[in-house]
Amino acid sequence: MPVKNEPMPLPADPADSEDFTVTAEALDRGQRARLIRKTRTGLGLSQAEFATRFRVPVGTLRDWEQARATAPDFAIAYVRVIGLHPEMVAKAVA
């Protein structure tokens, strides 16, 4: 029986042999990873280039993009600003 206040996992679709059960936390971590990766690739930057330009440790960036670690809220806000104003942010942190 689930513990109160613990999110229920999202069950796999039995009609899809490649689907799997996932927790809400893992889904959130994956969505954050996708935002970061899409922002970086949209700028045409490698992980090393993005990390250097925006002063993010490359190992941390890699962990966030591969969803091995959950990017904190402040990092998501930073990435969103980078996506909107990449040159301004690069200049500000240079």
N, C-alpha and C. Protein backbone atom coordinates (compact mmCIF):
# COMPACT_ATOMS: atom_id res chain seq x y z
N MET A 1 0.84 -1.19 0.00
CA MET A 1 0.00 0.00 0.00
C MET A 1 0.88 1.25 0.00
N PRO A 2 0.58 2.25 -0.86
CA PRO A 2 1.42 3.45 -0.94
C PRO A 2 1.39 4.26 0.35
N VAL A 3 2.50 4.92 0.62
CA VAL A 3 2.60 5.80 1.76
C VAL A 3 1.94 7.12 1.40
N LYS A 4 1.26 7.75 2.37
CA LYS A 4 0.63 9.05 2.12
C LYS A 4 1.68 10.06 1.69
N ASN A 5 1.29 10.95 0.77
CA ASN A 5 2.14 12.01 0.24
C ASN A 5 3.27 11.51 -0.65
N GLU A 6 3.34 10.21 -0.90
CA GLU A 6 4.34 9.69 -1.82
C GLU A 6 3.70 9.58 -3.20
N PRO A 7 4.30 10.18 -4.23
CA PRO A 7 3.68 10.15 -5.55
C PRO A 7 3.57 8.72 -6.08
N MET A 8 2.46 8.45 -6.73
CA MET A 8 2.24 7.15 -7.34
C MET A 8 3.03 7.07 -8.64
N PRO A 9 3.63 5.92 -8.92
CA PRO A 9 4.31 5.79 -10.20
C PRO A 9 3.31 5.79 -11.35
N LEU A 10 3.76 6.25 -12.51
CA LEU A 10 2.93 6.21 -13.70
C LEU A 10 3.14 4.84 -14.33
N PRO A 11 2.07 4.03 -14.40
CA PRO A 11 2.26 2.65 -14.87
C PRO A 11 2.56 2.59 -16.36
N ALA A 12 3.24 1.53 -16.72
CA ALA A 12 3.55 1.28 -18.13
C ALA A 12 2.26 0.98 -18.88
N ASP A 13 2.26 1.30 -20.16
CA ASP A 13 1.14 0.99 -21.05
C ASP A 13 1.27 -0.48 -21.45
N PRO A 14 0.34 -1.33 -21.04
CA PRO A 14 0.46 -2.75 -21.36
C PRO A 14 0.43 -3.04 -22.87
N ALA A 15 -0.11 -2.10 -23.64
CA ALA A 15 -0.17 -2.29 -25.10
C ALA A 15 1.14 -1.91 -25.78
N ASP A 16 2.07 -1.34 -25.04
CA ASP A 16 3.35 -0.90 -25.61
C ASP A 16 4.48 -1.69 -24.96
N SER A 17 5.08 -2.60 -25.71
CA SER A 17 6.11 -3.48 -25.15
C SER A 17 7.38 -2.72 -24.73
N GLU A 18 7.56 -1.50 -25.24
CA GLU A 18 8.75 -0.73 -24.88
C GLU A 18 8.51 0.29 -23.78
N ASP A 19 7.27 0.42 -23.33
CA ASP A 19 6.95 1.37 -22.27
C ASP A 19 7.35 0.78 -20.93
N PHE A 20 7.55 1.64 -19.93
CA PHE A 20 7.92 1.17 -18.60
C PHE A 20 7.31 2.09 -17.56
N THR A 21 7.19 1.59 -16.36
CA THR A 21 6.66 2.36 -15.24
C THR A 21 7.67 3.42 -14.85
N VAL A 22 7.18 4.62 -14.54
CA VAL A 22 8.07 5.71 -14.17
C VAL A 22 7.44 6.51 -13.04
N THR A 23 8.29 7.02 -12.16
CA THR A 23 7.79 7.86 -11.08
C THR A 23 7.64 9.29 -11.60
N ALA A 24 6.85 10.07 -10.93
CA ALA A 24 6.68 11.48 -11.30
C ALA A 24 8.02 12.21 -11.18
N GLU A 25 8.83 11.84 -10.20
CA GLU A 25 10.15 12.46 -10.01
C GLU A 25 11.06 12.17 -11.21
N ALA A 26 11.05 10.94 -11.68
CA ALA A 26 11.88 10.58 -12.84
C ALA A 26 11.39 11.29 -14.10
N LEU A 27 10.09 11.43 -14.23
CA LEU A 27 9.54 12.13 -15.38
C LEU A 27 9.96 13.60 -15.36
N ASP A 28 9.90 14.23 -14.19
CA ASP A 28 10.33 15.62 -14.05
C ASP A 28 11.82 15.76 -14.37
N ARG A 29 12.63 14.83 -13.86
CA ARG A 29 14.07 14.87 -14.14
C ARG A 29 14.32 14.75 -15.64
N GLY A 30 13.58 13.88 -16.32
CA GLY A 30 13.72 13.72 -17.76
C GLY A 30 13.31 14.96 -18.54
N GLN A 31 12.25 15.62 -18.10
CA GLN A 31 11.80 16.83 -18.77
C GLN A 31 12.81 17.96 -18.59
N ARG A 32 13.41 18.04 -17.43
CA ARG A 32 14.45 19.04 -17.19
C ARG A 32 15.67 18.76 -18.06
N ALA A 33 16.04 17.48 -18.16
CA ALA A 33 17.17 17.08 -19.00
C ALA A 33 16.91 17.47 -20.45
N ARG A 34 15.72 17.24 -20.92
CA ARG A 34 15.37 17.56 -22.31
C ARG A 34 15.46 19.06 -22.57
N LEU A 35 14.96 19.88 -21.64
CA LEU A 35 15.03 21.33 -21.80
C LEU A 35 16.49 21.79 -21.92
N ILE A 36 17.34 21.27 -21.07
CA ILE A 36 18.74 21.67 -21.08
C ILE A 36 19.40 21.24 -22.39
N ARG A 37 19.19 20.00 -22.78
CA ARG A 37 19.79 19.48 -24.02
C ARG A 37 19.29 20.24 -25.25
N LYS A 38 17.97 20.50 -25.30
CA LYS A 38 17.41 21.23 -26.44
C LYS A 38 17.94 22.66 -26.51
N THR A 39 18.11 23.29 -25.37
CA THR A 39 18.65 24.65 -25.34
C THR A 39 20.08 24.65 -25.87
N ARG A 40 20.89 23.72 -25.37
CA ARG A 40 22.29 23.65 -25.80
C ARG A 40 22.40 23.33 -27.29
N THR A 41 21.70 22.31 -27.74
CA THR A 41 21.80 21.93 -29.15
C THR A 41 21.18 23.00 -30.05
N GLY A 42 20.16 23.70 -29.57
CA GLY A 42 19.57 24.78 -30.34
C GLY A 42 20.54 25.92 -30.57
N LEU A 43 21.50 26.06 -29.67
CA LEU A 43 22.54 27.08 -29.83
C LEU A 43 23.72 26.55 -30.64
N GLY A 44 23.65 25.27 -31.00
CA GLY A 44 24.72 24.68 -31.80
C GLY A 44 26.00 24.45 -31.03
N LEU A 45 25.90 24.25 -29.73
CA LEU A 45 27.09 24.11 -28.88
C LEU A 45 27.26 22.68 -28.39
N SER A 46 28.50 22.24 -28.29
CA SER A 46 28.80 20.96 -27.65
C SER A 46 28.63 21.16 -26.14
N GLN A 47 28.64 20.06 -25.40
CA GLN A 47 28.55 20.19 -23.94
C GLN A 47 29.73 21.01 -23.40
N ALA A 48 30.92 20.74 -23.92
CA ALA A 48 32.10 21.47 -23.44
C ALA A 48 32.00 22.96 -23.77
N GLU A 49 31.52 23.29 -24.96
CA GLU A 49 31.39 24.69 -25.36
C GLU A 49 30.33 25.41 -24.50
N PHE A 50 29.20 24.76 -24.30
CA PHE A 50 28.14 25.35 -23.48
C PHE A 50 28.64 25.56 -22.06
N ALA A 51 29.29 24.54 -21.51
CA ALA A 51 29.79 24.62 -20.14
C ALA A 51 30.78 25.76 -19.97
N THR A 52 31.69 25.90 -20.92
CA THR A 52 32.68 26.97 -20.84
C THR A 52 32.02 28.34 -21.00
N ARG A 53 31.18 28.48 -22.00
CA ARG A 53 30.56 29.78 -22.29
C ARG A 53 29.69 30.26 -21.14
N PHE A 54 28.94 29.34 -20.49
CA PHE A 54 27.97 29.76 -19.47
C PHE A 54 28.39 29.38 -18.06
N ARG A 55 29.65 28.98 -17.90
CA ARG A 55 30.23 28.70 -16.58
C ARG A 55 29.47 27.64 -15.78
N VAL A 56 29.21 26.53 -16.44
CA VAL A 56 28.58 25.38 -15.79
C VAL A 56 29.59 24.24 -15.84
N PRO A 57 29.88 23.58 -14.73
CA PRO A 57 30.83 22.46 -14.79
C PRO A 57 30.34 21.42 -15.81
N VAL A 58 31.22 21.01 -16.70
CA VAL A 58 30.81 20.10 -17.78
C VAL A 58 30.27 18.78 -17.23
N GLY A 59 30.82 18.27 -16.15
CA GLY A 59 30.30 17.04 -15.55
C GLY A 59 28.90 17.20 -15.02
N THR A 60 28.62 18.36 -14.44
CA THR A 60 27.27 18.65 -13.94
C THR A 60 26.30 18.75 -15.10
N LEU A 61 26.70 19.46 -16.15
CA LEU A 61 25.86 19.58 -17.34
C LEU A 61 25.55 18.20 -17.91
N ARG A 62 26.57 17.37 -18.03
CA ARG A 62 26.39 16.02 -18.56
C ARG A 62 25.41 15.22 -17.70
N ASP A 63 25.57 15.30 -16.38
CA ASP A 63 24.66 14.57 -15.48
C ASP A 63 23.23 15.07 -15.62
N TRP A 64 23.04 16.37 -15.77
CA TRP A 64 21.69 16.92 -15.94
C TRP A 64 21.10 16.46 -17.27
N GLU A 65 21.88 16.54 -18.35
CA GLU A 65 21.37 16.17 -19.67
C GLU A 65 21.05 14.69 -19.77
N GLN A 66 21.79 13.86 -19.08
CA GLN A 66 21.55 12.42 -19.14
C GLN A 66 20.61 11.97 -18.03
N ALA A 67 20.04 12.93 -17.31
CA ALA A 67 19.06 12.68 -16.24
C ALA A 67 19.62 11.78 -15.14
N ARG A 68 20.94 11.81 -14.95
CA ARG A 68 21.53 11.08 -13.82
C ARG A 68 21.34 11.87 -12.54
N ALA A 69 21.19 13.19 -12.69
CA ALA A 69 20.93 14.08 -11.56
C ALA A 69 19.83 15.05 -11.99
N THR A 70 19.07 15.51 -11.02
CA THR A 70 17.99 16.46 -11.31
C THR A 70 18.54 17.88 -11.24
N ALA A 71 18.42 18.61 -12.34
CA ALA A 71 18.84 20.01 -12.33
C ALA A 71 17.94 20.79 -11.38
N PRO A 72 18.51 21.56 -10.44
CA PRO A 72 17.68 22.32 -9.51
C PRO A 72 16.94 23.45 -10.22
N ASP A 73 15.94 23.98 -9.53
CA ASP A 73 15.09 25.04 -10.10
C ASP A 73 15.92 26.23 -10.60
N PHE A 74 16.94 26.65 -9.85
CA PHE A 74 17.72 27.81 -10.28
C PHE A 74 18.43 27.52 -11.59
N ALA A 75 18.88 26.29 -11.80
CA ALA A 75 19.57 25.92 -13.04
C ALA A 75 18.60 25.95 -14.21
N ILE A 76 17.38 25.49 -13.99
CA ILE A 76 16.37 25.52 -15.05
C ILE A 76 16.06 26.97 -15.42
N ALA A 77 15.95 27.84 -14.42
CA ALA A 77 15.71 29.26 -14.70
C ALA A 77 16.88 29.84 -15.50
N TYR A 78 18.11 29.50 -15.12
CA TYR A 78 19.30 29.98 -15.82
C TYR A 78 19.30 29.52 -17.28
N VAL A 79 18.98 28.26 -17.50
CA VAL A 79 18.95 27.72 -18.86
C VAL A 79 17.87 28.40 -19.69
N ARG A 80 16.73 28.69 -19.09
CA ARG A 80 15.67 29.40 -19.82
C ARG A 80 16.13 30.80 -20.24
N VAL A 81 16.85 31.49 -19.35
CA VAL A 81 17.37 32.82 -19.69
C VAL A 81 18.41 32.69 -20.79
N ILE A 82 19.27 31.69 -20.70
CA ILE A 82 20.26 31.44 -21.75
C ILE A 82 19.56 31.23 -23.09
N GLY A 83 18.48 30.46 -23.08
CA GLY A 83 17.74 30.20 -24.31
C GLY A 83 17.17 31.46 -24.94
N LEU A 84 16.78 32.42 -24.10
CA LEU A 84 16.21 33.67 -24.59
C LEU A 84 17.26 34.70 -24.98
N HIS A 85 18.34 34.76 -24.22
CA HIS A 85 19.36 35.81 -24.39
C HIS A 85 20.77 35.24 -24.27
N PRO A 86 21.16 34.33 -25.15
CA PRO A 86 22.46 33.67 -24.99
C PRO A 86 23.66 34.62 -25.03
N GLU A 87 23.63 35.59 -25.90
CA GLU A 87 24.78 36.50 -25.99
C GLU A 87 24.89 37.39 -24.76
N MET A 88 23.75 37.87 -24.27
CA MET A 88 23.75 38.70 -23.07
C MET A 88 24.28 37.93 -21.88
N VAL A 89 23.84 36.68 -21.72
CA VAL A 89 24.31 35.86 -20.59
C VAL A 89 25.80 35.57 -20.73
N ALA A 90 26.24 35.20 -21.93
CA ALA A 90 27.66 34.92 -22.14
C ALA A 90 28.51 36.14 -21.80
N LYS A 91 28.05 37.30 -22.20
CA LYS A 91 28.78 38.54 -21.89
C LYS A 91 28.79 38.82 -20.40
N ALA A 92 27.65 38.56 -19.74
CA ALA A 92 27.54 38.83 -18.30
C ALA A 92 28.45 37.93 -17.46
N VAL A 93 28.65 36.72 -17.90
CA VAL A 93 29.46 35.78 -17.10
C VAL A 93 30.92 35.71 -17.57
N ALA A 94 31.26 36.44 -18.63
CA ALA A 94 32.64 36.42 -19.15
C ALA A 94 33.60 37.13 -18.22
